[in-house]
Amino acid sequence: MNFPSKKIQNAVFDALCACMGVNKHSREAAALIREAYAERENAPRPPRDRNVIYWTLLQDPASDPVPCAYTPEGAGTGRNTTVVYTTLKYQLMIVCYGPASEEYALRIRSGLFLDGAGFPRRILREAGIYPVPDPPQPALLHEEDGFLWRKRADLAVSLRIRYEQPGGESGSIHSPPAVILRRPF
């Protein structure tokens, strides 16, 4: 479980689109919200006047999986299925570039916690992702771009991502076992 699954990556992208109010299938979303590049030196550099949001998920290196929780399902059916959940800590790193970088970072910071149908928190929760409330304010920076400066806002949001692992089946006890007690004479 080194890197999140495609399902989790898609949920983060969908939540960021919901924060920005763009359709996740539109060209506008693809141009605005992008996954960060692994090789920084080869990453394309958009014009300074264009707003772009880069994001990536980084696992907290000091985090150990939170102890598993077992949830019996189907009680009373004769068989119980055990589902094991493992929760890992991640950091959602967001870097906003462009003239509206500060506004976009603040919108994402507050928007990730909006709940309801089609809102970011529900999108994340349905994928097993839980943002930790009250992330720090975005850091406002200026990055050199040739001989000019580019506006930049960095935001880090802590997440807990739940991974589901199928467990085994265990039999239910329909009746307690008979116990024979012997009376001393």
C-alpha atoms as a PDB file:
ATOM      1  CA  MET A   1       0.000   0.000   0.000  1.00  0.00           C
ATOM      2  CA  ASN A   2       2.724   2.478  -0.913  1.00  0.00           C
ATOM      3  CA  PHE A   3       0.683   4.622  -3.276  1.00  0.00           C
ATOM      4  CA  PRO A   4      -3.070   5.144  -3.215  1.00  0.00           C
ATOM      5  CA  SER A   5      -5.204   3.262  -5.697  1.00  0.00           C
ATOM      6  CA  LYS A   6      -6.687   4.802  -8.828  1.00  0.00           C
ATOM      7  CA  LYS A   7     -10.071   4.922  -7.031  1.00  0.00           C
ATOM      8  CA  ILE A   8      -8.595   7.137  -4.316  1.00  0.00           C
ATOM      9  CA  GLN A   9      -6.794   9.358  -6.841  1.00  0.00           C
ATOM     10  CA  ASN A  10     -10.042   9.791  -8.791  1.00  0.00           C
ATOM     11  CA  ALA A  11     -11.934  10.682  -5.601  1.00  0.00           C
ATOM     12  CA  VAL A  12      -9.372  13.371  -4.720  1.00  0.00           C
ATOM     13  CA  PHE A  13      -9.606  14.820  -8.255  1.00  0.00           C
ATOM     14  CA  ASP A  14     -13.424  14.772  -8.094  1.00  0.00           C
ATOM     15  CA  ALA A  15     -13.375  16.512  -4.699  1.00  0.00           C
ATOM     16  CA  LEU A  16     -11.014  19.220  -5.969  1.00  0.00           C
ATOM     17  CA  CYS A  17     -13.295  19.756  -8.986  1.00  0.00           C
ATOM     18  CA  ALA A  18     -16.259  20.116  -6.605  1.00  0.00           C
ATOM     19  CA  CYS A  19     -14.296  22.659  -4.529  1.00  0.00           C
ATOM     20  CA  MET A  20     -13.603  24.722  -7.643  1.00  0.00           C
ATOM     21  CA  GLY A  21     -17.119  24.317  -9.040  1.00  0.00           C
ATOM     22  CA  VAL A  22     -16.072  22.737 -12.344  1.00  0.00           C
ATOM     23  CA  ASN A  23     -17.409  19.629 -14.064  1.00  0.00           C
ATOM     24  CA  LYS A  24     -14.898  16.801 -13.548  1.00  0.00           C
ATOM     25  CA  HIS A  25     -15.317  15.666 -17.194  1.00  0.00           C
ATOM     26  CA  SER A  26     -14.739  19.113 -18.736  1.00  0.00           C
ATOM     27  CA  ARG A  27     -11.639  20.455 -20.452  1.00  0.00           C
ATOM     28  CA  GLU A  28     -11.632  23.282 -17.928  1.00  0.00           C
ATOM     29  CA  ALA A  29     -11.128  20.774 -15.083  1.00  0.00           C
ATOM     30  CA  ALA A  30      -8.323  19.006 -16.963  1.00  0.00           C
ATOM     31  CA  ALA A  31      -6.567  22.329 -17.618  1.00  0.00           C
ATOM     32  CA  LEU A  32      -7.053  23.676 -14.080  1.00  0.00           C
ATOM     33  CA  ILE A  33      -6.437  20.648 -11.817  1.00  0.00           C
ATOM     34  CA  ARG A  34      -3.478  18.379 -12.511  1.00  0.00           C
ATOM     35  CA  GLU A  35      -1.633  15.683 -10.664  1.00  0.00           C
ATOM     36  CA  ALA A  36       1.890  16.775  -9.717  1.00  0.00           C
ATOM     37  CA  TYR A  37       4.761  15.524 -11.824  1.00  0.00           C
ATOM     38  CA  ALA A  38       7.234  13.078 -10.318  1.00  0.00           C
ATOM     39  CA  GLU A  39      10.166  14.670 -12.156  1.00  0.00           C
ATOM     40  CA  ARG A  40      10.110  18.358 -11.331  1.00  0.00           C
ATOM     41  CA  GLU A  41      12.790  19.327 -13.817  1.00  0.00           C
ATOM     42  CA  ASN A  42      10.750  17.928 -16.752  1.00  0.00           C
ATOM     43  CA  ALA A  43       7.365  19.299 -15.668  1.00  0.00           C
ATOM     44  CA  PRO A  44       5.705  21.742 -18.079  1.00  0.00           C
ATOM     45  CA  ARG A  45       5.487  25.333 -16.905  1.00  0.00           C
ATOM     46  CA  PRO A  46       2.211  27.079 -17.700  1.00  0.00           C
ATOM     47  CA  PRO A  47       2.207  30.827 -18.398  1.00  0.00           C
ATOM     48  CA  ARG A  48       2.365  33.087 -15.324  1.00  0.00           C
ATOM     49  CA  ASP A  49      -1.113  34.480 -15.985  1.00  0.00           C
ATOM     50  CA  ARG A  50      -2.792  31.048 -16.035  1.00  0.00           C
ATOM     51  CA  ASN A  51      -4.260  29.517 -12.861  1.00  0.00           C
ATOM     52  CA  VAL A  52      -3.195  25.902 -12.315  1.00  0.00           C
ATOM     53  CA  ILE A  53      -3.602  23.582  -9.325  1.00  0.00           C
ATOM     54  CA  TYR A  54      -1.167  20.696  -8.826  1.00  0.00           C
ATOM     55  CA  TRP A  55      -1.802  18.015  -6.197  1.00  0.00           C
ATOM     56  CA  THR A  56      -0.250  14.832  -4.896  1.00  0.00           C
ATOM     57  CA  LEU A  57      -0.785  12.399  -2.024  1.00  0.00           C
ATOM     58  CA  LEU A  58       2.175  11.550   0.186  1.00  0.00           C
ATOM     59  CA  GLN A  59       2.065   8.848   2.830  1.00  0.00           C
ATOM     60  CA  ASP A  60       3.198  10.017   6.245  1.00  0.00           C
ATOM     61  CA  PRO A  61       6.500   8.124   6.662  1.00  0.00           C
ATOM     62  CA  ALA A  62       6.203   8.055  10.453  1.00  0.00           C
ATOM     63  CA  SER A  63       2.688   6.608  10.422  1.00  0.00           C
ATOM     64  CA  ASP A  64       1.914   3.046  11.217  1.00  0.00           C
ATOM     65  CA  PRO A  65      -1.396   1.549  10.187  1.00  0.00           C
ATOM     66  CA  VAL A  66      -4.048   2.234  12.790  1.00  0.00           C
ATOM     67  CA  PRO A  67      -5.166  -1.008  14.434  1.00  0.00           C
ATOM     68  CA  CYS A  68      -7.755  -2.846  12.376  1.00  0.00           C
ATOM     69  CA  ALA A  69     -11.450  -2.633  13.164  1.00  0.00           C
ATOM     70  CA  TYR A  70     -13.646  -5.661  12.614  1.00  0.00           C
ATOM     71  CA  THR A  71     -17.210  -5.226  11.483  1.00  0.00           C
ATOM     72  CA  PRO A  72     -19.462  -8.286  11.522  1.00  0.00           C
ATOM     73  CA  GLU A  73     -22.016  -8.229   8.731  1.00  0.00           C
ATOM     74  CA  GLY A  74     -25.043 -10.382   8.191  1.00  0.00           C
ATOM     75  CA  ALA A  75     -25.669 -11.192  11.844  1.00  0.00           C
ATOM     76  CA  GLY A  76     -28.438 -13.704  12.275  1.00  0.00           C
ATOM     77  CA  THR A  77     -27.896 -15.312   8.874  1.00  0.00           C
ATOM     78  CA  GLY A  78     -25.846 -18.182  10.210  1.00  0.00           C
ATOM     79  CA  ARG A  79     -22.540 -16.841   8.848  1.00  0.00           C
ATOM     80  CA  ASN A  80     -20.675 -13.693   9.824  1.00  0.00           C
ATOM     81  CA  THR A  81     -18.349 -12.021   7.340  1.00  0.00           C
ATOM     82  CA  THR A  82     -15.486 -10.136   8.905  1.00  0.00           C
ATOM     83  CA  VAL A  83     -14.330  -6.957   7.172  1.00  0.00           C
ATOM     84  CA  VAL A  84     -10.957  -5.585   8.207  1.00  0.00           C
ATOM     85  CA  TYR A  85     -10.245  -1.850   7.855  1.00  0.00           C
ATOM     86  CA  THR A  86      -6.745  -0.444   7.956  1.00  0.00           C
ATOM     87  CA  THR A  87      -6.347   3.333   8.203  1.00  0.00           C
ATOM     88  CA  LEU A  88      -3.197   5.086   6.987  1.00  0.00           C
ATOM     89  CA  LYS A  89      -2.169   8.741   7.313  1.00  0.00           C
ATOM     90  CA  TYR A  90      -1.518  10.804   4.178  1.00  0.00           C
ATOM     91  CA  GLN A  91      -0.793  14.424   3.313  1.00  0.00           C
ATOM     92  CA  LEU A  92      -2.651  15.976   0.397  1.00  0.00           C
ATOM     93  CA  MET A  93      -0.167  18.496  -0.965  1.00  0.00           C
ATOM     94  CA  ILE A  94      -1.744  21.207  -3.129  1.00  0.00           C
ATOM     95  CA  VAL A  95       0.217  23.874  -5.002  1.00  0.00           C
ATOM     96  CA  CYS A  96      -1.780  26.642  -6.713  1.00  0.00           C
ATOM     97  CA  TYR A  97      -0.102  28.833  -9.341  1.00  0.00           C
ATOM     98  CA  GLY A  98      -1.371  31.979 -11.026  1.00  0.00           C
ATOM     99  CA  PRO A  99      -3.009  35.296 -10.205  1.00  0.00           C
ATOM    100  CA  ALA A 100      -5.826  33.615  -8.213  1.00  0.00           C
ATOM    101  CA  SER A 101      -3.563  31.142  -6.395  1.00  0.00           C
ATOM    102  CA  GLU A 102      -4.363  32.447  -2.903  1.00  0.00           C
ATOM    103  CA  GLU A 103      -8.117  32.509  -3.578  1.00  0.00           C
ATOM    104  CA  TYR A 104      -8.043  28.965  -4.983  1.00  0.00           C
ATOM    105  CA  ALA A 105      -6.046  27.597  -2.033  1.00  0.00           C
ATOM    106  CA  LEU A 106      -8.463  29.184   0.449  1.00  0.00           C
ATOM    107  CA  ARG A 107     -11.458  27.882  -1.508  1.00  0.00           C
ATOM    108  CA  ILE A 108     -10.051  24.341  -1.438  1.00  0.00           C
ATOM    109  CA  ARG A 109      -9.181  24.638   2.277  1.00  0.00           C
ATOM    110  CA  SER A 110     -12.748  25.515   3.207  1.00  0.00           C
ATOM    111  CA  GLY A 111     -14.489  23.527   0.451  1.00  0.00           C
ATOM    112  CA  LEU A 112     -13.047  20.131   1.408  1.00  0.00           C
ATOM    113  CA  PHE A 113     -15.237  20.148   4.512  1.00  0.00           C
ATOM    114  CA  LEU A 114     -18.566  20.906   2.808  1.00  0.00           C
ATOM    115  CA  ASP A 115     -20.861  17.910   3.200  1.00  0.00           C
ATOM    116  CA  GLY A 116     -23.879  16.836   1.200  1.00  0.00           C
ATOM    117  CA  ALA A 117     -24.696  15.278  -2.151  1.00  0.00           C
ATOM    118  CA  GLY A 118     -22.072  16.278  -4.705  1.00  0.00           C
ATOM    119  CA  PHE A 119     -19.933  18.141  -2.156  1.00  0.00           C
ATOM    120  CA  PRO A 120     -16.243  17.330  -1.582  1.00  0.00           C
ATOM    121  CA  ARG A 121     -16.500  15.768   1.882  1.00  0.00           C
ATOM    122  CA  ARG A 122     -19.121  13.253   0.766  1.00  0.00           C
ATOM    123  CA  ILE A 123     -17.104  12.406  -2.363  1.00  0.00           C
ATOM    124  CA  LEU A 124     -14.068  11.714  -0.197  1.00  0.00           C
ATOM    125  CA  ARG A 125     -15.984   9.832   2.496  1.00  0.00           C
ATOM    126  CA  GLU A 126     -17.543   7.462  -0.059  1.00  0.00           C
ATOM    127  CA  ALA A 127     -14.010   6.548  -1.170  1.00  0.00           C
ATOM    128  CA  GLY A 128     -12.855   5.960   2.432  1.00  0.00           C
ATOM    129  CA  ILE A 129     -10.957   9.260   2.709  1.00  0.00           C
ATOM    130  CA  TYR A 130     -11.388  11.449   5.779  1.00  0.00           C
ATOM    131  CA  PRO A 131      -9.784  14.927   5.873  1.00  0.00           C
ATOM    132  CA  VAL A 132      -8.564  16.050   9.280  1.00  0.00           C
ATOM    133  CA  PRO A 133     -10.379  19.278  10.258  1.00  0.00           C
ATOM    134  CA  ASP A 134      -8.729  22.681  10.503  1.00  0.00           C
ATOM    135  CA  PRO A 135      -5.764  22.466   8.106  1.00  0.00           C
ATOM    136  CA  PRO A 136      -3.223  25.301   8.356  1.00  0.00           C
ATOM    137  CA  GLN A 137      -3.577  28.440   6.237  1.00  0.00           C
ATOM    138  CA  PRO A 138      -1.973  28.256   2.788  1.00  0.00           C
ATOM    139  CA  ALA A 139       1.606  29.474   2.534  1.00  0.00           C
ATOM    140  CA  LEU A 140       1.893  32.322   0.039  1.00  0.00           C
ATOM    141  CA  LEU A 141       5.093  32.348  -1.989  1.00  0.00           C
ATOM    142  CA  HIS A 142       6.610  33.873  -5.078  1.00  0.00           C
ATOM    143  CA  GLU A 143       8.548  31.532  -7.327  1.00  0.00           C
ATOM    144  CA  GLU A 144      11.102  32.717  -9.848  1.00  0.00           C
ATOM    145  CA  ASP A 145      10.049  32.160 -13.452  1.00  0.00           C
ATOM    146  CA  GLY A 146      12.841  33.333 -15.697  1.00  0.00           C
ATOM    147  CA  PHE A 147      13.414  36.982 -14.722  1.00  0.00           C
ATOM    148  CA  LEU A 148       9.892  37.418 -13.340  1.00  0.00           C
ATOM    149  CA  TRP A 149       7.995  36.085 -10.330  1.00  0.00           C
ATOM    150  CA  ARG A 150       5.082  33.668 -10.311  1.00  0.00           C
ATOM    151  CA  LYS A 151       2.447  33.737  -7.522  1.00  0.00           C
ATOM    152  CA  ARG A 152       2.117  30.474  -5.631  1.00  0.00           C
ATOM    153  CA  ALA A 153       0.089  29.187  -2.673  1.00  0.00           C
ATOM    154  CA  ASP A 154       0.908  25.888  -0.943  1.00  0.00           C
ATOM    155  CA  LEU A 155      -1.641  23.973   1.105  1.00  0.00           C
ATOM    156  CA  ALA A 156      -1.202  20.737   3.054  1.00  0.00           C
ATOM    157  CA  VAL A 157      -4.256  18.805   4.268  1.00  0.00           C
ATOM    158  CA  SER A 158      -3.915  15.746   6.487  1.00  0.00           C
ATOM    159  CA  LEU A 159      -6.036  12.780   5.424  1.00  0.00           C
ATOM    160  CA  ARG A 160      -6.880   9.399   6.852  1.00  0.00           C
ATOM    161  CA  ILE A 161      -7.443   6.808   4.139  1.00  0.00           C
ATOM    162  CA  ARG A 162      -9.260   3.606   4.997  1.00  0.00           C
ATOM    163  CA  TYR A 163      -8.338   0.459   3.102  1.00  0.00           C
ATOM    164  CA  GLU A 164     -10.767  -2.432   3.204  1.00  0.00           C
ATOM    165  CA  GLN A 165      -9.418  -5.953   3.284  1.00  0.00           C
ATOM    166  CA  PRO A 166     -11.743  -8.932   3.027  1.00  0.00           C
ATOM    167  CA  GLY A 167     -11.605 -11.219   6.023  1.00  0.00           C
ATOM    168  CA  GLY A 168     -12.667 -14.793   6.460  1.00  0.00           C
ATOM    169  CA  GLU A 169     -16.032 -16.174   7.336  1.00  0.00           C
ATOM    170  CA  SER A 170     -16.764 -17.461  10.789  1.00  0.00           C
ATOM    171  CA  GLY A 171     -19.645 -19.618  11.872  1.00  0.00           C
ATOM    172  CA  SER A 172     -22.335 -18.297  14.168  1.00  0.00           C
ATOM    173  CA  ILE A 173     -23.391 -20.039  17.330  1.00  0.00           C
ATOM    174  CA  HIS A 174     -27.016 -21.056  16.909  1.00  0.00           C
ATOM    175  CA  SER A 175     -27.237 -22.666  20.315  1.00  0.00           C
ATOM    176  CA  PRO A 176     -24.789 -22.746  23.180  1.00  0.00           C
ATOM    177  CA  PRO A 177     -22.821 -25.946  23.618  1.00  0.00           C
ATOM    178  CA  ALA A 178     -24.152 -28.366  26.198  1.00  0.00           C
ATOM    179  CA  VAL A 179     -22.220 -28.407  29.430  1.00  0.00           C
ATOM    180  CA  ILE A 180     -22.585 -31.352  31.758  1.00  0.00           C
ATOM    181  CA  LEU A 181     -21.833 -30.638  35.364  1.00  0.00           C
ATOM    182  CA  ARG A 182     -21.132 -33.499  37.677  1.00  0.00           C
ATOM    183  CA  ARG A 183     -22.446 -33.234  41.165  1.00  0.00           C
ATOM    184  CA  PRO A 184     -20.117 -34.494  43.882  1.00  0.00           C
ATOM    185  CA  PHE A 185     -21.624 -37.178  46.163  1.00  0.00           C
END
